[in-house]
Amino acid sequence: MPGKDAYLDGLVVEIEDLAGRVALVRNRFARQKVNVKLAHYGELEYVRSRFAEFRNRIVDLEGADDSEAARILEAAEVARKDLVYAVDSLLAVLS
């Protein structure tokens, strides 16, 4: 796993990609019928909570000293992977 600074530097592209895909989810969700929105509202909320979790881990990582950076970096990576999976899953359902 990369170091703290390398990980943070590489996140710019990843976050832009994720933000674009989240916007796509929101756009597709907005065009759905009410019954579809109700059926998948929980999944949309999960995406929002995962995005917030990922953002919080990045903020924690930015302020972390070297002794806690590895632990926070690992948590950030888990949150990122979970977010990517949640976004991809919801996009597949709303296609």
PDB file of N, CA and C in Angstrom:
ATOM      1  N   MET A   1       0.851  -1.173   0.000  1.00  0.00           N
ATOM      2  CA  MET A   1       0.000   0.000   0.000  1.00  0.00           C
ATOM      3  C   MET A   1       0.896   1.236   0.000  1.00  0.00           C
ATOM      4  N   PRO A   2       0.533   2.261  -0.776  1.00  0.00           N
ATOM      5  CA  PRO A   2       1.371   3.454  -0.858  1.00  0.00           C
ATOM      6  C   PRO A   2       1.383   4.220   0.462  1.00  0.00           C
ATOM      7  N   GLY A   3       2.342   5.135   0.567  1.00  0.00           N
ATOM      8  CA  GLY A   3       2.411   5.980   1.747  1.00  0.00           C
ATOM      9  C   GLY A   3       1.314   7.019   1.747  1.00  0.00           C
ATOM     10  N   LYS A   4       1.210   7.727   2.845  1.00  0.00           N
ATOM     11  CA  LYS A   4       0.160   8.724   3.044  1.00  0.00           C
ATOM     12  C   LYS A   4       0.152   9.771   1.932  1.00  0.00           C
ATOM     13  N   ASP A   5       1.299  10.375   1.653  1.00  0.00           N
ATOM     14  CA  ASP A   5       1.353  11.443   0.654  1.00  0.00           C
ATOM     15  C   ASP A   5       1.051  10.928  -0.755  1.00  0.00           C
ATOM     16  N   ALA A   6       1.596   9.772  -1.093  1.00  0.00           N
ATOM     17  CA  ALA A   6       1.334   9.192  -2.413  1.00  0.00           C
ATOM     18  C   ALA A   6      -0.145   8.851  -2.570  1.00  0.00           C
ATOM     19  N   TYR A   7      -0.745   8.313  -1.516  1.00  0.00           N
ATOM     20  CA  TYR A   7      -2.165   7.969  -1.554  1.00  0.00           C
ATOM     21  C   TYR A   7      -3.011   9.224  -1.750  1.00  0.00           C
ATOM     22  N   LEU A   8      -2.718  10.269  -0.991  1.00  0.00           N
ATOM     23  CA  LEU A   8      -3.482  11.511  -1.100  1.00  0.00           C
ATOM     24  C   LEU A   8      -3.311  12.142  -2.470  1.00  0.00           C
ATOM     25  N   ASP A   9      -2.105  12.103  -3.027  1.00  0.00           N
ATOM     26  CA  ASP A   9      -1.874  12.655  -4.363  1.00  0.00           C
ATOM     27  C   ASP A   9      -2.676  11.914  -5.424  1.00  0.00           C
ATOM     28  N   GLY A  10      -2.775  10.605  -5.297  1.00  0.00           N
ATOM     29  CA  GLY A  10      -3.507   9.803  -6.268  1.00  0.00           C
ATOM     30  C   GLY A  10      -5.014   9.915  -6.145  1.00  0.00           C
ATOM     31  N   LEU A  11      -5.502  10.470  -5.064  1.00  0.00           N
ATOM     32  CA  LEU A  11      -6.941  10.551  -4.839  1.00  0.00           C
ATOM     33  C   LEU A  11      -7.647  11.594  -5.682  1.00  0.00           C
ATOM     34  N   VAL A  12      -6.946  12.569  -6.172  1.00  0.00           N
ATOM     35  CA  VAL A  12      -7.591  13.637  -6.935  1.00  0.00           C
ATOM     36  C   VAL A  12      -8.366  13.067  -8.112  1.00  0.00           C
ATOM     37  N   VAL A  13      -7.732  12.238  -8.897  1.00  0.00           N
ATOM     38  CA  VAL A  13      -8.384  11.631 -10.063  1.00  0.00           C
ATOM     39  C   VAL A  13      -9.506  10.701  -9.617  1.00  0.00           C
ATOM     40  N   GLU A  14      -9.244   9.907  -8.583  1.00  0.00           N
ATOM     41  CA  GLU A  14     -10.245   8.961  -8.073  1.00  0.00           C
ATOM     42  C   GLU A  14     -11.490   9.691  -7.581  1.00  0.00           C
ATOM     43  N   ILE A  15     -11.301  10.774  -6.863  1.00  0.00           N
ATOM     44  CA  ILE A  15     -12.442  11.522  -6.326  1.00  0.00           C
ATOM     45  C   ILE A  15     -13.235  12.178  -7.447  1.00  0.00           C
ATOM     46  N   GLU A  16     -12.545  12.714  -8.452  1.00  0.00           N
ATOM     47  CA  GLU A  16     -13.247  13.296  -9.599  1.00  0.00           C
ATOM     48  C   GLU A  16     -14.080  12.244 -10.319  1.00  0.00           C
ATOM     49  N   ASP A  17     -13.519  11.055 -10.496  1.00  0.00           N
ATOM     50  CA  ASP A  17     -14.251   9.960 -11.137  1.00  0.00           C
ATOM     51  C   ASP A  17     -15.464   9.556 -10.301  1.00  0.00           C
ATOM     52  N   LEU A  18     -15.265   9.391  -9.005  1.00  0.00           N
ATOM     53  CA  LEU A  18     -16.368   9.016  -8.117  1.00  0.00           C
ATOM     54  C   LEU A  18     -17.451  10.088  -8.091  1.00  0.00           C
ATOM     55  N   ALA A  19     -17.057  11.345  -8.042  1.00  0.00           N
ATOM     56  CA  ALA A  19     -18.032  12.434  -8.024  1.00  0.00           C
ATOM     57  C   ALA A  19     -18.865  12.430  -9.305  1.00  0.00           C
ATOM     58  N   GLY A  20     -18.237  12.154 -10.420  1.00  0.00           N
ATOM     59  CA  GLY A  20     -18.966  12.066 -11.686  1.00  0.00           C
ATOM     60  C   GLY A  20     -19.942  10.909 -11.703  1.00  0.00           C
ATOM     61  N   ARG A  21     -19.523   9.770 -11.165  1.00  0.00           N
ATOM     62  CA  ARG A  21     -20.410   8.607 -11.129  1.00  0.00           C
ATOM     63  C   ARG A  21     -21.541   8.802 -10.136  1.00  0.00           C
ATOM     64  N   VAL A  22     -21.275   9.473  -9.011  1.00  0.00           N
ATOM     65  CA  VAL A  22     -22.337   9.771  -8.048  1.00  0.00           C
ATOM     66  C   VAL A  22     -23.345  10.734  -8.679  1.00  0.00           C
ATOM     67  N   ALA A  23     -22.867  11.703  -9.434  1.00  0.00           N
ATOM     68  CA  ALA A  23     -23.773  12.621 -10.138  1.00  0.00           C
ATOM     69  C   ALA A  23     -24.628  11.854 -11.141  1.00  0.00           C
ATOM     70  N   LEU A  24     -24.043  10.879 -11.807  1.00  0.00           N
ATOM     71  CA  LEU A  24     -24.794  10.040 -12.744  1.00  0.00           C
ATOM     72  C   LEU A  24     -25.875   9.251 -12.010  1.00  0.00           C
ATOM     73  N   VAL A  25     -25.537   8.707 -10.851  1.00  0.00           N
ATOM     74  CA  VAL A  25     -26.521   7.984 -10.038  1.00  0.00           C
ATOM     75  C   VAL A  25     -27.671   8.916  -9.680  1.00  0.00           C
ATOM     76  N   ARG A  26     -27.352  10.104  -9.211  1.00  0.00           N
ATOM     77  CA  ARG A  26     -28.386  11.058  -8.810  1.00  0.00           C
ATOM     78  C   ARG A  26     -29.268  11.444 -10.001  1.00  0.00           C
ATOM     79  N   ASN A  27     -28.658  11.634 -11.160  1.00  0.00           N
ATOM     80  CA  ASN A  27     -29.415  11.986 -12.361  1.00  0.00           C
ATOM     81  C   ASN A  27     -30.350  10.848 -12.761  1.00  0.00           C
ATOM     82  N   ARG A  28     -29.832   9.632 -12.782  1.00  0.00           N
ATOM     83  CA  ARG A  28     -30.676   8.475 -13.137  1.00  0.00           C
ATOM     84  C   ARG A  28     -31.767   8.253 -12.108  1.00  0.00           C
ATOM     85  N   PHE A  29     -31.418   8.451 -10.850  1.00  0.00           N
ATOM     86  CA  PHE A  29     -32.397   8.269  -9.775  1.00  0.00           C
ATOM     87  C   PHE A  29     -33.533   9.278  -9.915  1.00  0.00           C
ATOM     88  N   ALA A  30     -33.195  10.508 -10.249  1.00  0.00           N
ATOM     89  CA  ALA A  30     -34.203  11.560 -10.383  1.00  0.00           C
ATOM     90  C   ALA A  30     -35.196  11.258 -11.510  1.00  0.00           C
ATOM     91  N   ARG A  31     -34.773  10.528 -12.519  1.00  0.00           N
ATOM     92  CA  ARG A  31     -35.651  10.226 -13.658  1.00  0.00           C
ATOM     93  C   ARG A  31     -36.513   8.978 -13.453  1.00  0.00           C
ATOM     94  N   GLN A  32     -36.344   8.304 -12.346  1.00  0.00           N
ATOM     95  CA  GLN A  32     -37.092   7.077 -12.095  1.00  0.00           C
ATOM     96  C   GLN A  32     -38.514   7.368 -11.614  1.00  0.00           C
ATOM     97  N   LYS A  33     -39.378   6.380 -11.803  1.00  0.00           N
ATOM     98  CA  LYS A  33     -40.732   6.467 -11.271  1.00  0.00           C
ATOM     99  C   LYS A  33     -40.683   6.354  -9.759  1.00  0.00           C
ATOM    100  N   VAL A  34     -41.734   6.798  -9.118  1.00  0.00           N
ATOM    101  CA  VAL A  34     -41.786   6.835  -7.665  1.00  0.00           C
ATOM    102  C   VAL A  34     -41.547   5.448  -7.055  1.00  0.00           C
ATOM    103  N   ASN A  35     -42.153   4.415  -7.626  1.00  0.00           N
ATOM    104  CA  ASN A  35     -41.987   3.079  -7.044  1.00  0.00           C
ATOM    105  C   ASN A  35     -40.535   2.613  -7.107  1.00  0.00           C
ATOM    106  N   VAL A  36     -39.816   2.970  -8.152  1.00  0.00           N
ATOM    107  CA  VAL A  36     -38.400   2.604  -8.258  1.00  0.00           C
ATOM    108  C   VAL A  36     -37.587   3.409  -7.240  1.00  0.00           C
ATOM    109  N   LYS A  37     -37.926   4.679  -7.098  1.00  0.00           N
ATOM    110  CA  LYS A  37     -37.232   5.518  -6.120  1.00  0.00           C
ATOM    111  C   LYS A  37     -37.407   4.956  -4.712  1.00  0.00           C
ATOM    112  N   LEU A  38     -38.621   4.563  -4.398  1.00  0.00           N
ATOM    113  CA  LEU A  38     -38.884   4.005  -3.075  1.00  0.00           C
ATOM    114  C   LEU A  38     -38.143   2.689  -2.868  1.00  0.00           C
ATOM    115  N   ALA A  39     -38.090   1.884  -3.909  1.00  0.00           N
ATOM    116  CA  ALA A  39     -37.434   0.583  -3.801  1.00  0.00           C
ATOM    117  C   ALA A  39     -35.922   0.709  -3.602  1.00  0.00           C
ATOM    118  N   HIS A  40     -35.328   1.777  -4.112  1.00  0.00           N
ATOM    119  CA  HIS A  40     -33.870   1.902  -4.076  1.00  0.00           C
ATOM    120  C   HIS A  40     -33.380   3.093  -3.251  1.00  0.00           C
ATOM    121  N   TYR A  41     -34.284   3.703  -2.506  1.00  0.00           N
ATOM    122  CA  TYR A  41     -33.900   4.850  -1.694  1.00  0.00           C
ATOM    123  C   TYR A  41     -32.835   4.474  -0.664  1.00  0.00           C
ATOM    124  N   GLY A  42     -32.966   3.329  -0.075  1.00  0.00           N
ATOM    125  CA  GLY A  42     -31.984   2.867   0.912  1.00  0.00           C
ATOM    126  C   GLY A  42     -30.601   2.717   0.307  1.00  0.00           C
ATOM    127  N   GLU A  43     -30.539   2.249  -0.922  1.00  0.00           N
ATOM    128  CA  GLU A  43     -29.248   2.108  -1.597  1.00  0.00           C
ATOM    129  C   GLU A  43     -28.614   3.466  -1.867  1.00  0.00           C
ATOM    130  N   LEU A  44     -29.443   4.452  -2.236  1.00  0.00           N
ATOM    131  CA  LEU A  44     -28.935   5.804  -2.451  1.00  0.00           C
ATOM    132  C   LEU A  44     -28.412   6.387  -1.143  1.00  0.00           C
ATOM    133  N   GLU A  45     -29.128   6.160  -0.069  1.00  0.00           N
ATOM    134  CA  GLU A  45     -28.672   6.630   1.238  1.00  0.00           C
ATOM    135  C   GLU A  45     -27.370   5.942   1.636  1.00  0.00           C
ATOM    136  N   TYR A  46     -27.219   4.681   1.291  1.00  0.00           N
ATOM    137  CA  TYR A  46     -25.987   3.955   1.582  1.00  0.00           C
ATOM    138  C   TYR A  46     -24.820   4.578   0.823  1.00  0.00           C
ATOM    139  N   VAL A  47     -25.041   4.942  -0.446  1.00  0.00           N
ATOM    140  CA  VAL A  47     -23.999   5.608  -1.226  1.00  0.00           C
ATOM    141  C   VAL A  47     -23.613   6.922  -0.546  1.00  0.00           C
ATOM    142  N   ARG A  48     -24.601   7.680  -0.116  1.00  0.00           N
ATOM    143  CA  ARG A  48     -24.310   8.949   0.569  1.00  0.00           C
ATOM    144  C   ARG A  48     -23.505   8.723   1.843  1.00  0.00           C
ATOM    145  N   SER A  49     -23.879   7.730   2.625  1.00  0.00           N
ATOM    146  CA  SER A  49     -23.162   7.481   3.876  1.00  0.00           C
ATOM    147  C   SER A  49     -21.744   6.975   3.612  1.00  0.00           C
ATOM    148  N   ARG A  50     -21.571   6.161   2.585  1.00  0.00           N
ATOM    149  CA  ARG A  50     -20.235   5.674   2.223  1.00  0.00           C
ATOM    150  C   ARG A  50     -19.356   6.824   1.733  1.00  0.00           C
ATOM    151  N   PHE A  51     -19.943   7.750   0.975  1.00  0.00           N
ATOM    152  CA  PHE A  51     -19.186   8.902   0.491  1.00  0.00           C
ATOM    153  C   PHE A  51     -18.737   9.759   1.672  1.00  0.00           C
ATOM    154  N   ALA A  52     -19.628   9.967   2.630  1.00  0.00           N
ATOM    155  CA  ALA A  52     -19.287  10.739   3.830  1.00  0.00           C
ATOM    156  C   ALA A  52     -18.199  10.029   4.629  1.00  0.00           C
ATOM    157  N   GLU A  53     -18.290   8.717   4.752  1.00  0.00           N
ATOM    158  CA  GLU A  53     -17.285   7.940   5.463  1.00  0.00           C
ATOM    159  C   GLU A  53     -15.924   8.069   4.791  1.00  0.00           C
ATOM    160  N   PHE A  54     -15.901   7.951   3.479  1.00  0.00           N
ATOM    161  CA  PHE A  54     -14.663   8.079   2.720  1.00  0.00           C
ATOM    162  C   PHE A  54     -14.070   9.477   2.911  1.00  0.00           C
ATOM    163  N   ARG A  55     -14.905  10.489   2.801  1.00  0.00           N
ATOM    164  CA  ARG A  55     -14.457  11.871   2.982  1.00  0.00           C
ATOM    165  C   ARG A  55     -13.866  12.067   4.384  1.00  0.00           C
ATOM    166  N   ASN A  56     -14.527  11.541   5.400  1.00  0.00           N
ATOM    167  CA  ASN A  56     -14.029  11.661   6.771  1.00  0.00           C
ATOM    168  C   ASN A  56     -12.678  10.966   6.948  1.00  0.00           C
ATOM    169  N   ARG A  57     -12.514   9.809   6.320  1.00  0.00           N
ATOM    170  CA  ARG A  57     -11.236   9.099   6.418  1.00  0.00           C
ATOM    171  C   ARG A  57     -10.117   9.902   5.757  1.00  0.00           C
ATOM    172  N   ILE A  58     -10.414  10.571   4.651  1.00  0.00           N
ATOM    173  CA  ILE A  58      -9.404  11.383   3.967  1.00  0.00           C
ATOM    174  C   ILE A  58      -9.016  12.574   4.835  1.00  0.00           C
ATOM    175  N   VAL A  59     -10.000  13.208   5.446  1.00  0.00           N
ATOM    176  CA  VAL A  59      -9.715  14.324   6.353  1.00  0.00           C
ATOM    177  C   VAL A  59      -8.856  13.839   7.520  1.00  0.00           C
ATOM    178  N   ASP A  60      -9.200  12.680   8.081  1.00  0.00           N
ATOM    179  CA  ASP A  60      -8.408  12.102   9.167  1.00  0.00           C
ATOM    180  C   ASP A  60      -6.979  11.823   8.710  1.00  0.00           C
ATOM    181  N   LEU A  61      -6.849  11.303   7.498  1.00  0.00           N
ATOM    182  CA  LEU A  61      -5.535  10.954   6.972  1.00  0.00           C
ATOM    183  C   LEU A  61      -4.680  12.192   6.761  1.00  0.00           C
ATOM    184  N   GLU A  62      -5.282  13.256   6.285  1.00  0.00           N
ATOM    185  CA  GLU A  62      -4.529  14.493   6.053  1.00  0.00           C
ATOM    186  C   GLU A  62      -3.904  15.019   7.342  1.00  0.00           C
ATOM    187  N   GLY A  63      -4.596  14.873   8.455  1.00  0.00           N
ATOM    188  CA  GLY A  63      -4.096  15.375   9.717  1.00  0.00           C
ATOM    189  C   GLY A  63      -3.354  14.351  10.569  1.00  0.00           C
ATOM    190  N   ALA A  64      -3.200  13.152  10.052  1.00  0.00           N
ATOM    191  CA  ALA A  64      -2.603  12.067  10.846  1.00  0.00           C
ATOM    192  C   ALA A  64      -1.086  12.177  10.894  1.00  0.00           C
ATOM    193  N   ASP A  65      -0.541  11.801  12.035  1.00  0.00           N
ATOM    194  CA  ASP A  65       0.915  11.680  12.106  1.00  0.00           C
ATOM    195  C   ASP A  65       1.305  10.295  11.590  1.00  0.00           C
ATOM    196  N   ASP A  66       2.599  10.081  11.465  1.00  0.00           N
ATOM    197  CA  ASP A  66       3.082   8.832  10.862  1.00  0.00           C
ATOM    198  C   ASP A  66       2.660   7.586  11.633  1.00  0.00           C
ATOM    199  N   SER A  67       2.495   7.706  12.939  1.00  0.00           N
ATOM    200  CA  SER A  67       2.156   6.528  13.734  1.00  0.00           C
ATOM    201  C   SER A  67       0.736   6.026  13.474  1.00  0.00           C
ATOM    202  N   GLU A  68      -0.164   6.912  13.105  1.00  0.00           N
ATOM    203  CA  GLU A  68      -1.541   6.469  12.842  1.00  0.00           C
ATOM    204  C   GLU A  68      -1.905   6.479  11.363  1.00  0.00           C
ATOM    205  N   ALA A  69      -1.022   6.961  10.506  1.00  0.00           N
ATOM    206  CA  ALA A  69      -1.315   7.083   9.075  1.00  0.00           C
ATOM    207  C   ALA A  69      -1.630   5.736   8.422  1.00  0.00           C
ATOM    208  N   ALA A  70      -0.884   4.697   8.752  1.00  0.00           N
ATOM    209  CA  ALA A  70      -1.098   3.388   8.119  1.00  0.00           C
ATOM    210  C   ALA A  70      -2.481   2.839   8.438  1.00  0.00           C
ATOM    211  N   ARG A  71      -2.898   2.977   9.692  1.00  0.00           N
ATOM    212  CA  ARG A  71      -4.216   2.478  10.096  1.00  0.00           C
ATOM    213  C   ARG A  71      -5.325   3.271   9.405  1.00  0.00           C
ATOM    214  N   ILE A  72      -5.194   4.577   9.353  1.00  0.00           N
ATOM    215  CA  ILE A  72      -6.217   5.416   8.733  1.00  0.00           C
ATOM    216  C   ILE A  72      -6.226   5.210   7.221  1.00  0.00           C
ATOM    217  N   LEU A  73      -5.047   5.042   6.623  1.00  0.00           N
ATOM    218  CA  LEU A  73      -4.969   4.790   5.185  1.00  0.00           C
ATOM    219  C   LEU A  73      -5.693   3.500   4.826  1.00  0.00           C
ATOM    220  N   GLU A  74      -5.516   2.487   5.637  1.00  0.00           N
ATOM    221  CA  GLU A  74      -6.215   1.219   5.394  1.00  0.00           C
ATOM    222  C   GLU A  74      -7.733   1.400   5.498  1.00  0.00           C
ATOM    223  N   ALA A  75      -8.183   2.145   6.499  1.00  0.00           N
ATOM    224  CA  ALA A  75      -9.620   2.413   6.660  1.00  0.00           C
ATOM    225  C   ALA A  75     -10.154   3.237   5.492  1.00  0.00           C
ATOM    226  N   ALA A  76      -9.353   4.185   5.004  1.00  0.00           N
ATOM    227  CA  ALA A  76      -9.763   4.999   3.856  1.00  0.00           C
ATOM    228  C   ALA A  76      -9.912   4.136   2.612  1.00  0.00           C
ATOM    229  N   GLU A  77      -8.999   3.202   2.424  1.00  0.00           N
ATOM    230  CA  GLU A  77      -9.056   2.326   1.252  1.00  0.00           C
ATOM    231  C   GLU A  77     -10.269   1.393   1.316  1.00  0.00           C
ATOM    232  N   VAL A  78     -10.575   0.888   2.492  1.00  0.00           N
ATOM    233  CA  VAL A  78     -11.768   0.047   2.654  1.00  0.00           C
ATOM    234  C   VAL A  78     -13.022   0.869   2.345  1.00  0.00           C
ATOM    235  N   ALA A  79     -13.089   2.095   2.852  1.00  0.00           N
ATOM    236  CA  ALA A  79     -14.239   2.960   2.603  1.00  0.00           C
ATOM    237  C   ALA A  79     -14.355   3.286   1.114  1.00  0.00           C
ATOM    238  N   ARG A  80     -13.218   3.515   0.450  1.00  0.00           N
ATOM    239  CA  ARG A  80     -13.233   3.821  -0.987  1.00  0.00           C
ATOM    240  C   ARG A  80     -13.759   2.636  -1.786  1.00  0.00           C
ATOM    241  N   LYS A  81     -13.272   1.447  -1.484  1.00  0.00           N
ATOM    242  CA  LYS A  81     -13.723   0.262  -2.214  1.00  0.00           C
ATOM    243  C   LYS A  81     -15.208   0.001  -1.989  1.00  0.00           C
ATOM    244  N   ASP A  82     -15.665   0.201  -0.767  1.00  0.00           N
ATOM    245  CA  ASP A  82     -17.084   0.027  -0.460  1.00  0.00           C
ATOM    246  C   ASP A  82     -17.935   1.041  -1.223  1.00  0.00           C
ATOM    247  N   LEU A  83     -17.454   2.273  -1.296  1.00  0.00           N
ATOM    248  CA  LEU A  83     -18.165   3.317  -2.035  1.00  0.00           C
ATOM    249  C   LEU A  83     -18.232   2.983  -3.523  1.00  0.00           C
ATOM    250  N   VAL A  84     -17.128   2.572  -4.094  1.00  0.00           N
ATOM    251  CA  VAL A  84     -17.100   2.221  -5.518  1.00  0.00           C
ATOM    252  C   VAL A  84     -18.083   1.091  -5.803  1.00  0.00           C
ATOM    253  N   TYR A  85     -18.093   0.072  -4.961  1.00  0.00           N
ATOM    254  CA  TYR A  85     -19.014  -1.047  -5.144  1.00  0.00           C
ATOM    255  C   TYR A  85     -20.472  -0.586  -5.035  1.00  0.00           C
ATOM    256  N   ALA A  86     -20.761   0.259  -4.045  1.00  0.00           N
ATOM    257  CA  ALA A  86     -22.132   0.742  -3.855  1.00  0.00           C
ATOM    258  C   ALA A  86     -22.590   1.572  -5.047  1.00  0.00           C
ATOM    259  N   VAL A  87     -21.721   2.434  -5.545  1.00  0.00           N
ATOM    260  CA  VAL A  87     -22.065   3.278  -6.701  1.00  0.00           C
ATOM    261  C   VAL A  87     -22.286   2.402  -7.938  1.00  0.00           C
ATOM    262  N   ASP A  88     -21.372   1.477  -8.185  1.00  0.00           N
ATOM    263  CA  ASP A  88     -21.501   0.598  -9.359  1.00  0.00           C
ATOM    264  C   ASP A  88     -22.769  -0.251  -9.279  1.00  0.00           C
ATOM    265  N   SER A  89     -23.079  -0.743  -8.099  1.00  0.00           N
ATOM    266  CA  SER A  89     -24.286  -1.556  -7.926  1.00  0.00           C
ATOM    267  C   SER A  89     -25.545  -0.758  -8.204  1.00  0.00           C
ATOM    268  N   LEU A  90     -25.600   0.457  -7.691  1.00  0.00           N
ATOM    269  CA  LEU A  90     -26.779   1.291  -7.907  1.00  0.00           C
ATOM    270  C   LEU A  90     -26.877   1.724  -9.363  1.00  0.00           C
ATOM    271  N   LEU A  91     -25.757   2.021  -9.992  1.00  0.00           N
ATOM    272  CA  LEU A  91     -25.786   2.364 -11.419  1.00  0.00           C
ATOM    273  C   LEU A  91     -26.325   1.195 -12.241  1.00  0.00           C
ATOM    274  N   ALA A  92     -25.932  -0.001 -11.903  1.00  0.00           N
ATOM    275  CA  ALA A  92     -26.404  -1.178 -12.646  1.00  0.00           C
ATOM    276  C   ALA A  92     -27.911  -1.344 -12.505  1.00  0.00           C
ATOM    277  N   VAL A  93     -28.437  -1.086 -11.322  1.00  0.00           N
ATOM    278  CA  VAL A  93     -29.876  -1.226 -11.085  1.00  0.00           C
ATOM    279  C   VAL A  93     -30.664  -0.154 -11.820  1.00  0.00           C
ATOM    280  N   LEU A  94     -30.104   1.048 -11.899  1.00  0.00           N
ATOM    281  CA  LEU A  94     -30.826   2.178 -12.483  1.00  0.00           C
ATOM    282  C   LEU A  94     -30.599   2.320 -13.994  1.00  0.00           C
ATOM    283  N   SER A  95     -29.855   1.412 -14.597  1.00  0.00           N
ATOM    284  CA  SER A  95     -29.592   1.500 -16.038  1.00  0.00           C
ATOM    285  C   SER A  95     -30.827   1.295 -16.865  1.00  0.00           C
TER     286      SER A  95
END
